[in-house]
N, C-alpha and C. Protein backbone atom coordinates (compact mmCIF):
# COMPACT_ATOMS: atom_id res chain seq x y z
N ASP A 1 4.08 -47.66 -69.66
CA ASP A 1 5.49 -47.39 -69.92
C ASP A 1 5.93 -46.02 -69.72
N GLU A 2 5.06 -45.05 -70.27
CA GLU A 2 5.28 -43.66 -70.14
C GLU A 2 5.41 -43.19 -68.65
N ASP A 3 4.48 -43.90 -67.89
CA ASP A 3 4.49 -43.48 -66.40
C ASP A 3 5.85 -44.03 -65.78
N ASP A 4 6.23 -45.18 -66.20
CA ASP A 4 7.54 -45.65 -65.73
C ASP A 4 8.67 -44.78 -66.04
N ASP A 5 8.69 -44.31 -67.33
CA ASP A 5 9.73 -43.44 -67.76
C ASP A 5 9.75 -42.19 -66.90
N GLU A 6 8.44 -41.63 -66.65
CA GLU A 6 8.37 -40.35 -65.85
C GLU A 6 8.85 -40.61 -64.45
N ASP A 7 8.50 -41.77 -63.89
CA ASP A 7 9.07 -42.11 -62.56
C ASP A 7 10.60 -42.16 -62.55
N ASP A 8 11.12 -42.75 -63.65
CA ASP A 8 12.54 -42.91 -63.67
C ASP A 8 13.23 -41.55 -63.79
N ASP A 9 12.62 -40.62 -64.57
CA ASP A 9 13.14 -39.27 -64.71
C ASP A 9 13.11 -38.62 -63.39
N GLU A 10 11.99 -38.78 -62.61
CA GLU A 10 11.87 -38.13 -61.32
C GLU A 10 12.92 -38.58 -60.35
N ASP A 11 13.15 -39.94 -60.41
CA ASP A 11 14.23 -40.48 -59.56
C ASP A 11 15.47 -39.98 -59.87
N ASP A 12 15.73 -39.87 -61.20
CA ASP A 12 17.07 -39.34 -61.61
C ASP A 12 17.28 -37.99 -61.15
N ASP A 13 16.10 -37.11 -61.23
CA ASP A 13 16.22 -35.77 -60.77
C ASP A 13 16.49 -35.74 -59.31
N GLU A 14 15.78 -36.50 -58.55
CA GLU A 14 16.02 -36.52 -57.10
C GLU A 14 17.48 -36.94 -56.79
N ASP A 15 17.90 -37.99 -57.47
CA ASP A 15 19.32 -38.39 -57.30
C ASP A 15 20.27 -37.22 -57.55
N GLY A 16 19.98 -36.50 -58.70
CA GLY A 16 20.82 -35.36 -59.07
C GLY A 16 20.77 -34.34 -57.96
N ASP A 17 19.60 -34.11 -57.42
CA ASP A 17 19.47 -33.07 -56.33
C ASP A 17 20.26 -33.50 -55.17
N ASP A 18 20.17 -34.81 -54.76
CA ASP A 18 20.94 -35.37 -53.55
C ASP A 18 22.40 -35.14 -53.82
N ASP A 19 22.90 -35.51 -55.09
CA ASP A 19 24.29 -35.36 -55.34
C ASP A 19 24.79 -33.90 -55.23
N GLU A 20 23.94 -33.00 -55.75
CA GLU A 20 24.30 -31.61 -55.70
C GLU A 20 24.31 -31.09 -54.17
N GLU A 21 23.41 -31.54 -53.31
CA GLU A 21 23.33 -31.19 -52.00
C GLU A 21 24.61 -31.66 -51.24
N GLU A 22 24.97 -33.02 -51.51
CA GLU A 22 26.19 -33.55 -50.88
C GLU A 22 27.36 -32.81 -51.32
N ALA A 23 27.46 -32.49 -52.59
CA ALA A 23 28.58 -31.68 -53.15
C ALA A 23 28.67 -30.39 -52.37
N ALA A 24 27.53 -29.66 -52.21
CA ALA A 24 27.49 -28.38 -51.52
C ALA A 24 27.97 -28.51 -50.22
N GLU A 25 27.50 -29.62 -49.43
CA GLU A 25 27.98 -29.81 -48.03
C GLU A 25 29.43 -29.96 -47.96
N ASP A 26 29.99 -30.72 -48.97
CA ASP A 26 31.47 -30.92 -49.02
C ASP A 26 32.19 -29.62 -49.12
N LEU A 27 31.62 -28.75 -49.84
CA LEU A 27 32.26 -27.47 -50.17
C LEU A 27 32.15 -26.52 -48.98
N GLU A 28 31.26 -26.73 -47.99
CA GLU A 28 31.05 -25.80 -46.93
C GLU A 28 32.38 -25.50 -46.14
N PRO A 29 33.09 -26.60 -45.73
CA PRO A 29 34.35 -26.31 -44.96
C PRO A 29 35.29 -25.37 -45.77
N ALA A 30 35.47 -25.70 -47.01
CA ALA A 30 36.33 -24.95 -47.87
C ALA A 30 35.92 -23.49 -48.03
N LYS A 31 34.50 -23.28 -48.13
CA LYS A 31 33.99 -21.97 -48.24
C LYS A 31 34.22 -21.18 -47.01
N LYS A 32 34.02 -21.90 -45.92
CA LYS A 32 34.23 -21.16 -44.58
C LYS A 32 35.70 -20.76 -44.43
N LYS A 33 36.55 -21.69 -44.96
CA LYS A 33 38.02 -21.40 -44.80
C LYS A 33 38.39 -20.22 -45.65
N LEU A 34 37.74 -20.12 -46.89
CA LEU A 34 38.02 -18.98 -47.75
C LEU A 34 37.56 -17.66 -47.16
N CYS A 35 36.37 -17.72 -46.40
CA CYS A 35 35.76 -16.57 -45.89
C CYS A 35 36.50 -16.16 -44.61
N THR A 36 37.00 -17.09 -43.84
CA THR A 36 37.66 -16.74 -42.58
C THR A 36 39.19 -16.38 -42.79
N GLY A 37 39.81 -16.85 -43.89
CA GLY A 37 41.13 -16.56 -44.13
C GLY A 37 42.09 -17.14 -43.14
N ASP A 38 42.87 -16.26 -42.52
CA ASP A 38 43.84 -16.73 -41.42
C ASP A 38 43.30 -16.55 -40.06
N ASP A 39 41.93 -16.53 -39.86
CA ASP A 39 41.42 -16.36 -38.57
C ASP A 39 41.72 -17.46 -37.61
N ASP A 40 41.68 -18.69 -38.12
CA ASP A 40 42.03 -19.82 -37.31
C ASP A 40 43.44 -19.75 -36.79
N GLU A 41 44.25 -19.42 -37.79
CA GLU A 41 45.75 -19.34 -37.46
C GLU A 41 45.97 -18.20 -36.39
N ASP A 42 45.30 -17.07 -36.58
CA ASP A 42 45.44 -15.93 -35.70
C ASP A 42 44.93 -16.33 -34.30
N ALA A 43 43.82 -17.02 -34.35
CA ALA A 43 43.20 -17.45 -33.00
C ALA A 43 44.12 -18.34 -32.24
N SER A 44 44.76 -19.25 -33.02
CA SER A 44 45.62 -20.23 -32.51
C SER A 44 46.83 -19.56 -31.90
N ARG A 45 47.41 -18.57 -32.75
CA ARG A 45 48.58 -17.85 -32.17
C ARG A 45 48.24 -17.03 -30.90
N GLU A 46 47.07 -16.47 -30.86
CA GLU A 46 46.61 -15.66 -29.65
C GLU A 46 46.56 -16.61 -28.46
N GLU A 47 45.97 -17.83 -28.73
CA GLU A 47 45.89 -18.78 -27.58
C GLU A 47 47.25 -19.15 -27.08
N ASP A 48 48.16 -19.28 -28.04
CA ASP A 48 49.53 -19.66 -27.61
C ASP A 48 50.21 -18.56 -26.84
N GLU A 49 49.91 -17.32 -27.19
CA GLU A 49 50.54 -16.16 -26.57
C GLU A 49 49.87 -16.07 -25.19
N ASP A 50 48.58 -16.28 -25.13
CA ASP A 50 47.92 -16.18 -23.82
C ASP A 50 48.44 -17.29 -22.90
N ASP A 51 48.66 -18.45 -23.37
CA ASP A 51 49.20 -19.56 -22.54
C ASP A 51 50.63 -19.19 -22.11
N PHE A 52 51.41 -18.58 -23.03
CA PHE A 52 52.85 -18.14 -22.62
C PHE A 52 52.76 -17.15 -21.55
N ARG A 53 51.90 -16.21 -21.65
CA ARG A 53 51.79 -15.07 -20.61
C ARG A 53 51.40 -15.68 -19.33
N GLN A 54 50.49 -16.65 -19.34
CA GLN A 54 50.02 -17.22 -18.08
C GLN A 54 51.16 -18.01 -17.44
N LEU A 55 51.90 -18.80 -18.26
CA LEU A 55 53.09 -19.50 -17.72
C LEU A 55 54.09 -18.55 -17.12
N ARG A 56 54.30 -17.44 -17.87
CA ARG A 56 55.26 -16.46 -17.32
C ARG A 56 54.77 -15.82 -15.96
N VAL A 57 53.49 -15.56 -15.89
CA VAL A 57 52.98 -15.06 -14.66
C VAL A 57 53.08 -15.99 -13.48
N GLU A 58 52.84 -17.36 -13.72
CA GLU A 58 52.93 -18.35 -12.75
C GLU A 58 54.36 -18.48 -12.34
N ALA A 59 55.25 -18.49 -13.26
CA ALA A 59 56.69 -18.66 -13.04
C ALA A 59 57.19 -17.56 -12.10
N LYS A 60 56.79 -16.28 -12.37
CA LYS A 60 57.18 -15.14 -11.59
C LYS A 60 56.64 -15.31 -10.13
N LYS A 61 55.41 -15.78 -10.00
CA LYS A 61 54.79 -15.87 -8.70
C LYS A 61 55.61 -16.82 -7.78
N SER A 62 56.27 -17.78 -8.37
CA SER A 62 56.98 -18.78 -7.62
C SER A 62 58.45 -18.53 -7.51
N SER A 63 58.93 -17.34 -8.04
CA SER A 63 60.34 -17.04 -8.09
C SER A 63 60.67 -16.03 -7.06
N ILE A 64 62.00 -15.70 -6.96
CA ILE A 64 62.50 -14.67 -6.04
C ILE A 64 62.05 -13.33 -6.47
N PHE A 65 61.51 -13.21 -7.68
CA PHE A 65 61.10 -11.88 -8.24
C PHE A 65 59.52 -11.60 -7.99
N ALA A 66 58.91 -12.53 -7.19
CA ALA A 66 57.42 -12.50 -6.93
C ALA A 66 57.01 -11.14 -6.45
N GLY A 67 57.83 -10.50 -5.59
CA GLY A 67 57.47 -9.25 -4.95
C GLY A 67 57.91 -8.04 -5.67
N LEU A 68 58.54 -8.24 -6.89
CA LEU A 68 59.05 -7.14 -7.68
C LEU A 68 57.98 -6.61 -8.55
N PHE A 69 57.48 -5.37 -8.17
CA PHE A 69 56.33 -4.88 -8.96
C PHE A 69 56.82 -4.03 -10.24
N ARG A 70 57.91 -3.37 -10.07
CA ARG A 70 58.37 -2.48 -11.13
C ARG A 70 59.89 -2.37 -11.08
N SER A 71 60.53 -2.27 -12.27
CA SER A 71 61.95 -1.99 -12.26
C SER A 71 62.17 -1.23 -13.52
N LYS A 72 63.18 -0.27 -13.52
CA LYS A 72 63.49 0.56 -14.70
C LYS A 72 64.95 1.00 -14.58
N GLY A 73 65.51 1.33 -15.70
CA GLY A 73 66.81 1.79 -15.67
C GLY A 73 67.58 1.59 -17.04
N TYR A 74 68.84 1.43 -17.01
CA TYR A 74 69.72 1.26 -18.16
C TYR A 74 70.64 0.09 -17.99
N ILE A 75 70.78 -0.57 -19.10
CA ILE A 75 71.83 -1.70 -19.10
C ILE A 75 72.81 -1.45 -20.22
N TRP A 76 74.01 -2.06 -20.07
CA TRP A 76 75.05 -1.98 -21.02
C TRP A 76 75.27 -3.47 -21.51
N LEU A 77 74.94 -3.70 -22.79
CA LEU A 77 75.15 -5.02 -23.37
C LEU A 77 76.55 -5.11 -24.09
N ALA A 78 77.24 -6.15 -23.88
CA ALA A 78 78.50 -6.37 -24.49
C ALA A 78 78.33 -6.46 -26.11
N SER A 79 77.20 -6.93 -26.53
CA SER A 79 77.01 -7.12 -27.93
C SER A 79 76.51 -5.80 -28.60
N ASN A 80 76.05 -4.90 -27.85
CA ASN A 80 75.61 -3.57 -28.38
C ASN A 80 76.31 -2.50 -27.56
N THR A 81 77.55 -2.46 -27.57
CA THR A 81 78.30 -1.70 -26.59
C THR A 81 78.17 -0.23 -26.71
N ASP A 82 77.78 0.37 -27.81
CA ASP A 82 77.66 1.76 -27.98
C ASP A 82 76.25 2.30 -27.62
N PHE A 83 75.36 1.37 -27.45
CA PHE A 83 73.91 1.84 -27.21
C PHE A 83 73.41 1.56 -25.82
N ILE A 84 72.63 2.53 -25.35
CA ILE A 84 72.00 2.44 -24.01
C ILE A 84 70.84 1.47 -24.18
N GLY A 85 70.83 0.46 -23.27
CA GLY A 85 69.68 -0.49 -23.26
C GLY A 85 68.73 -0.02 -22.26
N GLY A 86 67.52 0.46 -22.79
CA GLY A 86 66.46 0.83 -21.81
C GLY A 86 65.69 -0.31 -21.23
N TRP A 87 65.65 -0.38 -19.90
CA TRP A 87 65.07 -1.45 -19.23
C TRP A 87 63.84 -0.99 -18.52
N SER A 88 62.70 -1.73 -18.86
CA SER A 88 61.39 -1.33 -18.22
C SER A 88 60.62 -2.60 -17.91
N GLN A 89 60.28 -2.80 -16.61
CA GLN A 89 59.58 -3.99 -16.25
C GLN A 89 58.36 -3.65 -15.41
N ALA A 90 57.28 -4.39 -15.66
CA ALA A 90 56.09 -4.08 -14.80
C ALA A 90 55.39 -5.42 -14.66
N GLY A 91 55.22 -5.95 -13.50
CA GLY A 91 54.68 -7.22 -13.40
C GLY A 91 55.54 -8.33 -14.00
N SER A 92 55.00 -9.18 -14.87
CA SER A 92 55.68 -10.20 -15.56
C SER A 92 56.18 -9.73 -16.91
N MET A 93 55.99 -8.49 -17.37
CA MET A 93 56.46 -8.00 -18.61
C MET A 93 57.70 -7.21 -18.52
N LEU A 94 58.66 -7.57 -19.31
CA LEU A 94 60.00 -6.81 -19.34
C LEU A 94 60.19 -6.40 -20.80
N THR A 95 60.52 -5.08 -21.03
CA THR A 95 60.88 -4.60 -22.31
C THR A 95 62.30 -3.99 -22.25
N VAL A 96 63.07 -4.42 -23.24
CA VAL A 96 64.49 -3.92 -23.35
C VAL A 96 64.55 -3.33 -24.83
N GLN A 97 64.96 -2.13 -24.92
CA GLN A 97 65.08 -1.51 -26.20
C GLN A 97 66.11 -0.45 -26.22
N PRO A 98 66.70 -0.06 -27.36
CA PRO A 98 67.77 0.89 -27.46
C PRO A 98 67.19 2.32 -27.13
N GLU A 99 67.81 3.08 -26.40
CA GLU A 99 67.49 4.49 -26.06
C GLU A 99 68.59 5.42 -26.27
N GLY A 100 69.07 5.48 -27.49
CA GLY A 100 70.15 6.42 -27.85
C GLY A 100 71.51 5.71 -27.49
N MET A 101 72.55 6.56 -27.68
CA MET A 101 73.95 6.04 -27.45
C MET A 101 74.51 6.63 -26.18
N TRP A 102 75.48 5.91 -25.61
CA TRP A 102 76.14 6.40 -24.51
C TRP A 102 76.96 7.63 -25.00
N TYR A 103 77.13 8.59 -24.09
CA TYR A 103 77.98 9.75 -24.47
C TYR A 103 79.43 9.30 -24.92
N ALA A 104 79.94 8.29 -24.10
CA ALA A 104 81.33 7.91 -24.38
C ALA A 104 81.48 7.30 -25.84
N ALA A 105 80.38 6.81 -26.42
CA ALA A 105 80.43 6.33 -27.75
C ALA A 105 80.43 7.40 -28.84
N GLY A 106 80.15 8.60 -28.43
CA GLY A 106 80.06 9.66 -29.42
C GLY A 106 81.27 10.62 -29.39
N ASP A 107 81.20 11.63 -30.24
CA ASP A 107 82.26 12.62 -30.31
C ASP A 107 81.81 13.80 -29.38
N LYS A 108 82.63 14.06 -28.36
CA LYS A 108 82.35 15.10 -27.43
C LYS A 108 82.07 16.45 -28.06
N LYS A 109 82.75 16.71 -29.17
CA LYS A 109 82.48 17.97 -29.92
C LYS A 109 81.08 18.07 -30.38
N VAL A 110 80.54 16.94 -30.67
CA VAL A 110 79.15 16.84 -31.26
C VAL A 110 78.12 16.99 -30.18
N TRP A 111 78.30 16.00 -29.13
CA TRP A 111 77.15 15.97 -28.13
C TRP A 111 77.27 17.21 -27.17
N SER A 112 78.40 17.81 -27.02
CA SER A 112 78.55 18.95 -26.05
C SER A 112 78.19 20.22 -26.75
N GLU A 113 77.88 20.32 -28.07
CA GLU A 113 77.57 21.52 -28.71
C GLU A 113 76.36 22.07 -28.13
N GLY A 114 76.42 23.36 -27.79
CA GLY A 114 75.26 24.07 -27.29
C GLY A 114 75.06 23.87 -25.80
N LEU A 115 75.80 23.02 -25.13
CA LEU A 115 75.70 22.79 -23.68
C LEU A 115 76.60 23.77 -22.90
N SER A 116 76.11 24.11 -21.70
CA SER A 116 76.95 24.88 -20.83
C SER A 116 77.98 24.05 -20.17
N ALA A 117 79.01 24.79 -19.63
CA ALA A 117 80.04 24.00 -18.95
C ALA A 117 79.52 23.28 -17.72
N GLU A 118 78.57 23.75 -17.07
CA GLU A 118 77.93 23.00 -15.91
C GLU A 118 77.21 21.72 -16.46
N GLU A 119 76.48 21.81 -17.60
CA GLU A 119 75.80 20.73 -18.15
C GLU A 119 76.69 19.58 -18.53
N ILE A 120 77.86 20.05 -19.20
CA ILE A 120 78.80 19.08 -19.59
C ILE A 120 79.49 18.37 -18.37
N ALA A 121 79.74 19.14 -17.40
CA ALA A 121 80.30 18.65 -16.10
C ALA A 121 79.40 17.54 -15.52
N ALA A 122 78.04 17.90 -15.44
CA ALA A 122 77.11 16.96 -14.88
C ALA A 122 77.03 15.66 -15.64
N ILE A 123 77.14 15.79 -16.99
CA ILE A 123 77.17 14.53 -17.83
C ILE A 123 78.43 13.73 -17.48
N GLU A 124 79.55 14.32 -17.43
CA GLU A 124 80.80 13.66 -17.21
C GLU A 124 80.98 13.19 -15.80
N GLU A 125 80.03 13.54 -14.93
CA GLU A 125 80.12 12.91 -13.58
C GLU A 125 79.88 11.38 -13.54
N ASP A 126 79.20 10.99 -14.68
CA ASP A 126 78.82 9.53 -14.79
C ASP A 126 80.05 8.82 -15.49
N PHE A 127 81.03 9.48 -15.93
CA PHE A 127 82.19 8.82 -16.55
C PHE A 127 83.10 8.30 -15.52
N VAL A 128 83.63 7.11 -15.85
CA VAL A 128 84.80 6.51 -14.90
C VAL A 128 86.08 6.90 -15.59
N ALA A 129 87.07 6.64 -14.90
CA ALA A 129 88.46 7.06 -15.37
C ALA A 129 88.83 6.43 -16.76
N ASP A 130 88.43 5.13 -16.83
CA ASP A 130 88.71 4.39 -18.13
C ASP A 130 87.80 5.01 -19.23
N GLN A 131 88.44 5.69 -20.15
CA GLN A 131 87.71 6.27 -21.28
C GLN A 131 87.08 5.27 -22.14
N ALA A 132 87.64 3.99 -22.22
CA ALA A 132 86.93 3.01 -23.00
C ALA A 132 85.53 2.63 -22.50
N ILE A 133 85.34 2.94 -21.25
CA ILE A 133 84.03 2.66 -20.57
C ILE A 133 83.24 3.89 -20.53
N GLY A 134 83.84 4.94 -20.08
CA GLY A 134 83.10 6.20 -20.06
C GLY A 134 81.93 6.21 -19.15
N ASP A 135 80.73 6.53 -19.73
CA ASP A 135 79.48 6.59 -18.88
C ASP A 135 78.69 5.27 -19.06
N ARG A 136 79.20 4.29 -19.69
CA ARG A 136 78.61 2.97 -19.85
C ARG A 136 78.44 2.39 -18.43
N ARG A 137 77.18 1.75 -18.28
CA ARG A 137 77.04 1.11 -16.93
C ARG A 137 75.71 0.38 -16.81
N GLN A 138 75.53 -0.32 -15.70
CA GLN A 138 74.29 -0.98 -15.37
C GLN A 138 73.69 -0.18 -14.30
N GLU A 139 72.40 0.29 -14.50
CA GLU A 139 71.81 1.07 -13.49
C GLU A 139 70.26 0.79 -13.43
N ILE A 140 69.75 0.01 -12.53
CA ILE A 140 68.45 -0.42 -12.48
C ILE A 140 67.91 -0.21 -11.17
N VAL A 141 66.73 0.42 -11.08
CA VAL A 141 65.94 0.68 -9.77
C VAL A 141 64.89 -0.39 -9.63
N LEU A 142 64.86 -1.08 -8.47
CA LEU A 142 63.92 -2.08 -8.19
C LEU A 142 62.91 -1.61 -7.19
N ILE A 143 61.56 -1.81 -7.51
CA ILE A 143 60.49 -1.33 -6.73
C ILE A 143 59.53 -2.54 -6.31
N GLY A 144 59.41 -2.67 -5.04
CA GLY A 144 58.43 -3.80 -4.57
C GLY A 144 58.79 -4.25 -3.22
N GLN A 145 58.22 -5.38 -2.88
CA GLN A 145 58.39 -6.04 -1.49
C GLN A 145 59.36 -7.13 -1.71
N ILE A 146 60.65 -6.73 -1.79
CA ILE A 146 61.76 -7.72 -2.19
C ILE A 146 62.81 -7.91 -1.14
N GLN A 147 62.70 -7.26 0.05
CA GLN A 147 63.68 -7.30 1.07
C GLN A 147 64.05 -8.69 1.40
N ALA A 148 63.12 -9.66 1.49
CA ALA A 148 63.42 -11.00 1.94
C ALA A 148 64.38 -11.74 0.95
N HIS A 149 64.22 -11.22 -0.35
CA HIS A 149 65.04 -11.98 -1.37
C HIS A 149 66.11 -11.00 -2.02
N ILE A 150 66.41 -9.89 -1.43
CA ILE A 150 67.31 -8.94 -2.12
C ILE A 150 68.66 -9.56 -2.43
N ALA A 151 69.25 -10.34 -1.54
CA ALA A 151 70.59 -10.90 -1.82
C ALA A 151 70.47 -11.84 -2.99
N GLU A 152 69.45 -12.63 -3.08
CA GLU A 152 69.24 -13.57 -4.22
C GLU A 152 69.06 -12.80 -5.49
N ILE A 153 68.26 -11.78 -5.46
CA ILE A 153 68.05 -10.92 -6.70
C ILE A 153 69.29 -10.29 -7.10
N VAL A 154 70.09 -9.74 -6.23
CA VAL A 154 71.39 -9.18 -6.61
C VAL A 154 72.28 -10.17 -7.21
N SER A 155 72.30 -11.40 -6.65
CA SER A 155 73.17 -12.50 -7.14
C SER A 155 72.71 -12.89 -8.55
N ALA A 156 71.41 -12.90 -8.81
CA ALA A 156 70.81 -13.33 -10.12
C ALA A 156 71.22 -12.24 -11.16
N LEU A 157 71.19 -11.00 -10.78
CA LEU A 157 71.56 -9.95 -11.74
C LEU A 157 73.08 -9.97 -11.93
N GLU A 158 73.87 -10.21 -10.94
CA GLU A 158 75.31 -10.19 -11.14
C GLU A 158 75.72 -11.43 -11.95
N ALA A 159 74.92 -12.47 -11.94
CA ALA A 159 75.29 -13.64 -12.69
C ALA A 159 75.23 -13.26 -14.26
N CYS A 160 74.53 -12.22 -14.63
CA CYS A 160 74.34 -11.81 -15.99
C CYS A 160 75.58 -10.99 -16.50
N LEU A 161 76.43 -10.60 -15.56
CA LEU A 161 77.63 -9.80 -15.95
C LEU A 161 78.63 -10.76 -16.60
N LEU A 162 79.53 -10.18 -17.31
CA LEU A 162 80.69 -10.92 -17.99
C LEU A 162 81.54 -11.49 -16.83
N THR A 163 82.09 -12.70 -17.23
CA THR A 163 83.08 -13.33 -16.31
C THR A 163 84.34 -12.67 -16.60
N GLU A 164 85.39 -12.85 -15.82
CA GLU A 164 86.69 -12.31 -15.97
C GLU A 164 87.26 -12.57 -17.36
N ASP A 165 87.06 -13.89 -17.86
CA ASP A 165 87.67 -14.27 -19.14
C ASP A 165 86.89 -13.54 -20.28
N GLU A 166 85.53 -13.41 -20.09
CA GLU A 166 84.62 -12.72 -21.09
C GLU A 166 85.01 -11.23 -21.13
N TRP A 167 85.26 -10.66 -19.92
CA TRP A 167 85.63 -9.21 -19.91
C TRP A 167 86.94 -8.96 -20.54
N SER A 168 87.93 -9.88 -20.39
CA SER A 168 89.16 -9.78 -21.07
C SER A 168 89.08 -9.86 -22.60
N ALA A 169 88.16 -10.83 -23.03
CA ALA A 169 87.89 -10.88 -24.45
C ALA A 169 87.25 -9.65 -25.02
N PHE A 170 86.32 -9.15 -24.30
CA PHE A 170 85.60 -7.97 -24.73
C PHE A 170 86.61 -6.86 -24.82
N ARG A 171 87.54 -6.60 -23.79
CA ARG A 171 88.50 -5.53 -23.91
C ARG A 171 89.43 -5.67 -25.10
N ARG A 172 89.63 -6.81 -25.50
CA ARG A 172 90.48 -7.06 -26.69
C ARG A 172 89.67 -6.88 -28.02
N GLY A 173 88.46 -6.67 -27.99
CA GLY A 173 87.61 -6.47 -29.03
C GLY A 173 87.06 -7.72 -29.70
N ASP A 174 87.17 -8.88 -29.03
CA ASP A 174 86.62 -10.09 -29.56
C ASP A 174 85.17 -10.20 -29.23
N LEU A 175 84.31 -9.64 -30.11
CA LEU A 175 82.85 -9.46 -29.85
C LEU A 175 82.02 -10.45 -30.58
N ASP A 176 82.62 -11.33 -31.44
CA ASP A 176 81.83 -12.30 -32.16
C ASP A 176 80.96 -13.24 -31.37
N ASP A 177 81.56 -13.65 -30.27
CA ASP A 177 80.84 -14.70 -29.40
C ASP A 177 79.67 -13.90 -28.76
N PHE A 178 79.83 -12.67 -28.42
CA PHE A 178 78.78 -11.94 -27.74
C PHE A 178 77.61 -11.66 -28.72
N SER A 179 77.95 -11.26 -29.94
CA SER A 179 76.95 -10.98 -30.88
C SER A 179 76.15 -12.23 -31.26
N ALA A 180 76.89 -13.38 -31.42
CA ALA A 180 76.22 -14.57 -31.82
C ALA A 180 75.19 -15.12 -30.74
N ALA A 181 75.50 -14.74 -29.48
CA ALA A 181 74.61 -15.32 -28.44
C ALA A 181 73.67 -14.13 -27.93
N ASP A 182 73.61 -13.09 -28.68
CA ASP A 182 72.69 -11.98 -28.23
C ASP A 182 71.28 -12.18 -28.65
N PRO A 183 70.41 -12.38 -27.59
CA PRO A 183 68.91 -12.55 -27.85
C PRO A 183 68.19 -11.26 -28.35
N TRP A 184 68.85 -10.07 -28.11
CA TRP A 184 68.25 -8.82 -28.31
C TRP A 184 68.35 -8.36 -29.76
N GLY A 185 69.31 -8.95 -30.49
CA GLY A 185 69.55 -8.47 -31.89
C GLY A 185 70.43 -7.31 -31.96
N SER A 186 70.75 -6.83 -33.14
CA SER A 186 71.74 -5.73 -33.28
C SER A 186 71.08 -4.38 -33.30
N TRP A 187 71.53 -3.48 -32.45
CA TRP A 187 71.08 -2.07 -32.56
C TRP A 187 72.12 -1.38 -33.30
N SER A 188 71.92 -1.43 -34.58
CA SER A 188 73.00 -1.06 -35.55
C SER A 188 73.04 0.50 -35.92
N SER A 189 72.09 1.29 -35.61
CA SER A 189 72.11 2.57 -36.01
C SER A 189 71.92 3.57 -34.86
N PRO A 190 72.68 4.70 -34.78
CA PRO A 190 72.49 5.59 -33.67
C PRO A 190 71.14 6.36 -33.83
N GLN A 191 70.55 6.26 -35.03
CA GLN A 191 69.24 6.88 -35.26
C GLN A 191 68.08 5.88 -35.04
N HIS A 192 68.45 4.73 -34.40
CA HIS A 192 67.40 3.71 -34.15
C HIS A 192 66.31 4.23 -33.30
N ASP A 193 65.06 4.31 -33.82
CA ASP A 193 63.97 4.79 -33.09
C ASP A 193 62.78 3.94 -33.43
N LEU A 194 62.36 3.15 -32.27
CA LEU A 194 61.29 2.18 -32.49
C LEU A 194 59.97 2.83 -32.90
N GLN A 195 59.72 4.12 -32.47
CA GLN A 195 58.48 4.74 -32.84
C GLN A 195 58.35 5.02 -34.26
N ASP A 196 59.51 5.10 -35.02
CA ASP A 196 59.44 5.33 -36.40
C ASP A 196 59.75 4.10 -37.25
N SER A 197 59.63 2.92 -36.49
CA SER A 197 59.99 1.67 -37.11
C SER A 197 58.99 0.63 -37.06
N ASP A 198 59.01 -0.39 -37.81
CA ASP A 198 58.06 -1.50 -37.76
C ASP A 198 58.37 -2.51 -36.81
N GLU A 199 59.60 -2.33 -36.15
CA GLU A 199 60.09 -3.34 -35.12
C GLU A 199 59.31 -3.09 -33.90
N GLU A 200 59.12 -4.26 -33.18
CA GLU A 200 58.54 -4.18 -31.81
C GLU A 200 59.69 -4.27 -30.76
N PRO A 201 59.58 -3.65 -29.68
CA PRO A 201 60.52 -3.74 -28.58
C PRO A 201 60.66 -5.19 -28.12
N GLU A 202 61.87 -5.56 -27.80
CA GLU A 202 62.13 -6.95 -27.33
C GLU A 202 61.41 -7.10 -25.98
N GLN A 203 60.70 -8.26 -25.83
CA GLN A 203 60.09 -8.52 -24.59
C GLN A 203 60.35 -9.91 -24.12
N CYS A 204 60.32 -10.07 -22.85
CA CYS A 204 60.47 -11.48 -22.41
C CYS A 204 59.71 -11.68 -21.11
């Protein structure tokens, strides 16, 4: 009987060990998750971004912009009318970010301080007669093998301009519709400097 009791005890011990091993195995996924933290989420996000980049590259290859290697310049957004929009594109990557204010949006007494008459005259060469517009403009240089599609590219860019009705609303100061539809966000401060900020430049 004692031998039987010992055998039973050994069986109980073995069963207990098996239960502990199973419990430990069940905990492994949770332990791994605790150790890795957000690694899985980060990896998934990186994969999504890689897929998006690849889709963007493929879309560009099959578009009228396939031969456009580089473009740079300035744009004037109706929703951020006082700020220069810096435009920089290389391959399938486009960055648009604020690069200071248009001279016409500032006080001439302030921005002309310390400048010579010749320097002021050079700046004002970019001004149009309409003081409400001043030096605000669209100015983009395109670099690449695009001659075959230049008319289509110009047409695509011109399609981004305000319609006559939108221009009339803009001149009246009705800016709510433009701000609501603005994918770039508000460039609200003349001191907006992305190098001193946590914000990333807008890319598309």
